[in-house]
Amino acid sequence: MRDLKEPIPHFYITLANEDGHLFKRYVIGYMERTRPDYELIRIIDQGKLALLTKKE
């Protein structure tokens, strides 16, 4: 399985303050630290999940 759905911590959602670009940067940084072998495809489920794919 190459794709993975990873929950985004609520803490990051509260830090975003309605700034979509900043929120995405938070999520990218978090996923790079927690899942370094995956990369972000998109944020789904109203900002609660990150859809990731395995790096080649």
PDB file of N, CA and C in Angstrom:
ATOM      1  N   MET A   1       0.850  -1.193   0.000  1.00  0.00           N
ATOM      2  CA  MET A   1       0.000   0.000   0.000  1.00  0.00           C
ATOM      3  C   MET A   1       0.884   1.242   0.000  1.00  0.00           C
ATOM      4  N   ARG A   2       0.642   2.101  -0.939  1.00  0.00           N
ATOM      5  CA  ARG A   2       1.474   3.290  -1.089  1.00  0.00           C
ATOM      6  C   ARG A   2       0.890   4.521  -0.422  1.00  0.00           C
ATOM      7  N   ASP A   3      -0.441   4.586  -0.324  1.00  0.00           N
ATOM      8  CA  ASP A   3      -1.086   5.762   0.265  1.00  0.00           C
ATOM      9  C   ASP A   3      -1.421   5.528   1.727  1.00  0.00           C
ATOM     10  N   LEU A   4      -1.428   6.614   2.480  1.00  0.00           N
ATOM     11  CA  LEU A   4      -1.656   6.548   3.913  1.00  0.00           C
ATOM     12  C   LEU A   4      -2.463   7.776   4.329  1.00  0.00           C
ATOM     13  N   LYS A   5      -3.439   7.565   5.196  1.00  0.00           N
ATOM     14  CA  LYS A   5      -4.188   8.686   5.777  1.00  0.00           C
ATOM     15  C   LYS A   5      -3.704   8.860   7.211  1.00  0.00           C
ATOM     16  N   GLU A   6      -3.156  10.017   7.489  1.00  0.00           N
ATOM     17  CA  GLU A   6      -2.568  10.312   8.801  1.00  0.00           C
ATOM     18  C   GLU A   6      -3.352  11.443   9.457  1.00  0.00           C
ATOM     19  N   PRO A   7      -3.796  11.255  10.712  1.00  0.00           N
ATOM     20  CA  PRO A   7      -4.513  12.337  11.388  1.00  0.00           C
ATOM     21  C   PRO A   7      -3.599  13.531  11.672  1.00  0.00           C
ATOM     22  N   ILE A   8      -4.166  14.711  11.552  1.00  0.00           N
ATOM     23  CA  ILE A   8      -3.451  15.952  11.865  1.00  0.00           C
ATOM     24  C   ILE A   8      -3.823  16.339  13.290  1.00  0.00           C
ATOM     25  N   PRO A   9      -2.827  16.577  14.160  1.00  0.00           N
ATOM     26  CA  PRO A   9      -3.134  16.935  15.543  1.00  0.00           C
ATOM     27  C   PRO A   9      -3.981  18.214  15.627  1.00  0.00           C
ATOM     28  N   HIS A  10      -4.928  18.214  16.526  1.00  0.00           N
ATOM     29  CA  HIS A  10      -5.806  19.366  16.715  1.00  0.00           C
ATOM     30  C   HIS A  10      -5.006  20.628  17.030  1.00  0.00           C
ATOM     31  N   PHE A  11      -3.889  20.473  17.704  1.00  0.00           N
ATOM     32  CA  PHE A  11      -3.032  21.602  18.047  1.00  0.00           C
ATOM     33  C   PHE A  11      -2.626  22.389  16.798  1.00  0.00           C
ATOM     34  N   TYR A  12      -2.299  21.702  15.720  1.00  0.00           N
ATOM     35  CA  TYR A  12      -1.913  22.379  14.477  1.00  0.00           C
ATOM     36  C   TYR A  12      -3.090  23.117  13.867  1.00  0.00           C
ATOM     37  N   ILE A  13      -4.272  22.549  13.992  1.00  0.00           N
ATOM     38  CA  ILE A  13      -5.468  23.198  13.461  1.00  0.00           C
ATOM     39  C   ILE A  13      -5.715  24.519  14.186  1.00  0.00           C
ATOM     40  N   THR A  14      -5.532  24.541  15.507  1.00  0.00           N
ATOM     41  CA  THR A  14      -5.750  25.771  16.271  1.00  0.00           C
ATOM     42  C   THR A  14      -4.665  26.815  15.984  1.00  0.00           C
ATOM     43  N   LEU A  15      -3.454  26.385  15.678  1.00  0.00           N
ATOM     44  CA  LEU A  15      -2.375  27.322  15.363  1.00  0.00           C
ATOM     45  C   LEU A  15      -2.569  28.018  14.013  1.00  0.00           C
ATOM     46  N   ALA A  16      -3.311  27.393  13.138  1.00  0.00           N
ATOM     47  CA  ALA A  16      -3.440  27.894  11.771  1.00  0.00           C
ATOM     48  C   ALA A  16      -4.110  29.257  11.697  1.00  0.00           C
ATOM     49  N   ASN A  17      -5.079  29.524  12.578  1.00  0.00           N
ATOM     50  CA  ASN A  17      -5.742  30.831  12.607  1.00  0.00           C
ATOM     51  C   ASN A  17      -6.301  31.241  11.253  1.00  0.00           C
ATOM     52  N   GLU A  18      -6.942  30.312  10.576  1.00  0.00           N
ATOM     53  CA  GLU A  18      -7.605  30.571   9.303  1.00  0.00           C
ATOM     54  C   GLU A  18      -6.662  30.973   8.178  1.00  0.00           C
ATOM     55  N   ASP A  19      -5.381  30.799   8.353  1.00  0.00           N
ATOM     56  CA  ASP A  19      -4.422  31.082   7.285  1.00  0.00           C
ATOM     57  C   ASP A  19      -4.070  29.752   6.631  1.00  0.00           C
ATOM     58  N   GLY A  20      -4.680  29.476   5.497  1.00  0.00           N
ATOM     59  CA  GLY A  20      -4.505  28.187   4.834  1.00  0.00           C
ATOM     60  C   GLY A  20      -3.065  27.882   4.472  1.00  0.00           C
ATOM     61  N   HIS A  21      -2.323  28.880   4.020  1.00  0.00           N
ATOM     62  CA  HIS A  21      -0.934  28.662   3.624  1.00  0.00           C
ATOM     63  C   HIS A  21      -0.084  28.283   4.841  1.00  0.00           C
ATOM     64  N   LEU A  22      -0.277  28.976   5.933  1.00  0.00           N
ATOM     65  CA  LEU A  22       0.473  28.689   7.152  1.00  0.00           C
ATOM     66  C   LEU A  22       0.113  27.310   7.687  1.00  0.00           C
ATOM     67  N   PHE A  23      -1.158  26.955   7.654  1.00  0.00           N
ATOM     68  CA  PHE A  23      -1.607  25.647   8.109  1.00  0.00           C
ATOM     69  C   PHE A  23      -0.938  24.546   7.290  1.00  0.00           C
ATOM     70  N   LYS A  24      -0.881  24.715   5.987  1.00  0.00           N
ATOM     71  CA  LYS A  24      -0.257  23.708   5.132  1.00  0.00           C
ATOM     72  C   LYS A  24       1.226  23.555   5.470  1.00  0.00           C
ATOM     73  N   ARG A  25       1.897  24.652   5.747  1.00  0.00           N
ATOM     74  CA  ARG A  25       3.312  24.579   6.134  1.00  0.00           C
ATOM     75  C   ARG A  25       3.483  23.833   7.450  1.00  0.00           C
ATOM     76  N   TYR A  26       2.583  24.077   8.407  1.00  0.00           N
ATOM     77  CA  TYR A  26       2.622  23.332   9.671  1.00  0.00           C
ATOM     78  C   TYR A  26       2.478  21.838   9.412  1.00  0.00           C
ATOM     79  N   VAL A  27       1.511  21.479   8.596  1.00  0.00           N
ATOM     80  CA  VAL A  27       1.238  20.067   8.312  1.00  0.00           C
ATOM     81  C   VAL A  27       2.414  19.426   7.586  1.00  0.00           C
ATOM     82  N   ILE A  28       2.969  20.112   6.601  1.00  0.00           N
ATOM     83  CA  ILE A  28       4.120  19.565   5.877  1.00  0.00           C
ATOM     84  C   ILE A  28       5.282  19.320   6.840  1.00  0.00           C
ATOM     85  N   GLY A  29       5.576  20.254   7.696  1.00  0.00           N
ATOM     86  CA  GLY A  29       6.653  20.090   8.669  1.00  0.00           C
ATOM     87  C   GLY A  29       6.398  18.941   9.628  1.00  0.00           C
ATOM     88  N   TYR A  30       5.161  18.833  10.089  1.00  0.00           N
ATOM     89  CA  TYR A  30       4.799  17.752  11.011  1.00  0.00           C
ATOM     90  C   TYR A  30       4.951  16.388  10.332  1.00  0.00           C
ATOM     91  N   MET A  31       4.480  16.270   9.114  1.00  0.00           N
ATOM     92  CA  MET A  31       4.559  14.996   8.411  1.00  0.00           C
ATOM     93  C   MET A  31       6.004  14.639   8.053  1.00  0.00           C
ATOM     94  N   GLU A  32       6.827  15.629   7.753  1.00  0.00           N
ATOM     95  CA  GLU A  32       8.239  15.352   7.476  1.00  0.00           C
ATOM     96  C   GLU A  32       8.950  14.795   8.704  1.00  0.00           C
ATOM     97  N   ARG A  33       8.527  15.239   9.885  1.00  0.00           N
ATOM     98  CA  ARG A  33       9.135  14.731  11.117  1.00  0.00           C
ATOM     99  C   ARG A  33       8.580  13.368  11.527  1.00  0.00           C
ATOM    100  N   THR A  34       7.267  13.170  11.370  1.00  0.00           N
ATOM    101  CA  THR A  34       6.654  11.932  11.847  1.00  0.00           C
ATOM    102  C   THR A  34       6.647  10.816  10.814  1.00  0.00           C
ATOM    103  N   ARG A  35       6.581  11.152   9.546  1.00  0.00           N
ATOM    104  CA  ARG A  35       6.549  10.168   8.453  1.00  0.00           C
ATOM    105  C   ARG A  35       7.551  10.592   7.368  1.00  0.00           C
ATOM    106  N   PRO A  36       8.861  10.508   7.650  1.00  0.00           N
ATOM    107  CA  PRO A  36       9.844  11.009   6.683  1.00  0.00           C
ATOM    108  C   PRO A  36       9.884  10.234   5.368  1.00  0.00           C
ATOM    109  N   ASP A  37       9.354   9.019   5.348  1.00  0.00           N
ATOM    110  CA  ASP A  37       9.361   8.222   4.126  1.00  0.00           C
ATOM    111  C   ASP A  37       8.115   8.443   3.269  1.00  0.00           C
ATOM    112  N   TYR A  38       7.275   9.399   3.663  1.00  0.00           N
ATOM    113  CA  TYR A  38       6.056   9.734   2.918  1.00  0.00           C
ATOM    114  C   TYR A  38       6.057  11.217   2.569  1.00  0.00           C
ATOM    115  N   GLU A  39       5.297  11.577   1.533  1.00  0.00           N
ATOM    116  CA  GLU A  39       5.133  12.990   1.189  1.00  0.00           C
ATOM    117  C   GLU A  39       3.645  13.327   1.106  1.00  0.00           C
ATOM    118  N   LEU A  40       3.331  14.558   1.395  1.00  0.00           N
ATOM    119  CA  LEU A  40       1.951  15.033   1.432  1.00  0.00           C
ATOM    120  C   LEU A  40       1.372  15.159   0.025  1.00  0.00           C
ATOM    121  N   ILE A  41       0.192  14.579  -0.179  1.00  0.00           N
ATOM    122  CA  ILE A  41      -0.543  14.758  -1.428  1.00  0.00           C
ATOM    123  C   ILE A  41      -1.517  15.911  -1.254  1.00  0.00           C
ATOM    124  N   ARG A  42      -2.367  15.793  -0.217  1.00  0.00           N
ATOM    125  CA  ARG A  42      -3.319  16.869   0.082  1.00  0.00           C
ATOM    126  C   ARG A  42      -3.882  16.678   1.482  1.00  0.00           C
ATOM    127  N   ILE A  43      -4.518  17.726   1.959  1.00  0.00           N
ATOM    128  CA  ILE A  43      -5.179  17.721   3.261  1.00  0.00           C
ATOM    129  C   ILE A  43      -6.661  17.482   2.998  1.00  0.00           C
ATOM    130  N   ILE A  44      -7.234  16.501   3.692  1.00  0.00           N
ATOM    131  CA  ILE A  44      -8.619  16.100   3.432  1.00  0.00           C
ATOM    132  C   ILE A  44      -9.432  16.121   4.720  1.00  0.00           C
ATOM    133  N   ASP A  45     -10.709  15.844   4.592  1.00  0.00           N
ATOM    134  CA  ASP A  45     -11.650  15.734   5.717  1.00  0.00           C
ATOM    135  C   ASP A  45     -11.663  17.002   6.568  1.00  0.00           C
ATOM    136  N   GLN A  46     -11.816  18.143   5.906  1.00  0.00           N
ATOM    137  CA  GLN A  46     -11.901  19.451   6.561  1.00  0.00           C
ATOM    138  C   GLN A  46     -10.683  19.746   7.440  1.00  0.00           C
ATOM    139  N   GLY A  47      -9.499  19.370   6.975  1.00  0.00           N
ATOM    140  CA  GLY A  47      -8.263  19.665   7.690  1.00  0.00           C
ATOM    141  C   GLY A  47      -7.934  18.701   8.806  1.00  0.00           C
ATOM    142  N   LYS A  48      -8.604  17.576   8.870  1.00  0.00           N
ATOM    143  CA  LYS A  48      -8.366  16.623   9.961  1.00  0.00           C
ATOM    144  C   LYS A  48      -7.427  15.482   9.573  1.00  0.00           C
ATOM    145  N   LEU A  49      -7.271  15.244   8.274  1.00  0.00           N
ATOM    146  CA  LEU A  49      -6.431  14.148   7.796  1.00  0.00           C
ATOM    147  C   LEU A  49      -5.496  14.638   6.709  1.00  0.00           C
ATOM    148  N   ALA A  50      -4.329  14.022   6.671  1.00  0.00           N
ATOM    149  CA  ALA A  50      -3.379  14.282   5.594  1.00  0.00           C
ATOM    150  C   ALA A  50      -3.282  13.014   4.758  1.00  0.00           C
ATOM    151  N   LEU A  51      -3.425  13.151   3.465  1.00  0.00           N
ATOM    152  CA  LEU A  51      -3.273  12.033   2.553  1.00  0.00           C
ATOM    153  C   LEU A  51      -1.819  12.030   2.091  1.00  0.00           C
ATOM    154  N   LEU A  52      -1.126  10.948   2.368  1.00  0.00           N
ATOM    155  CA  LEU A  52       0.303  10.834   2.073  1.00  0.00           C
ATOM    156  C   LEU A  52       0.532   9.702   1.088  1.00  0.00           C
ATOM    157  N   THR A  53       1.653   9.790   0.375  1.00  0.00           N
ATOM    158  CA  THR A  53       2.070   8.721  -0.509  1.00  0.00           C
ATOM    159  C   THR A  53       3.534   8.392  -0.232  1.00  0.00           C
ATOM    160  N   LYS A  54       3.886   7.134  -0.424  1.00  0.00           N
ATOM    161  CA  LYS A  54       5.245   6.661  -0.172  1.00  0.00           C
ATOM    162  C   LYS A  54       6.202   7.295  -1.173  1.00  0.00           C
ATOM    163  N   LYS A  55       7.335   7.806  -0.658  1.00  0.00           N
ATOM    164  CA  LYS A  55       8.356   8.375  -1.548  1.00  0.00           C
ATOM    165  C   LYS A  55       9.032   7.250  -2.303  1.00  0.00           C
ATOM    166  N   GLU A  56       9.440   7.548  -3.502  1.00  0.00           N
ATOM    167  CA  GLU A  56      10.116   6.541  -4.340  1.00  0.00           C
ATOM    168  C   GLU A  56      11.594   6.541  -4.090  1.00  0.00           C
TER     169      GLU A  56
END
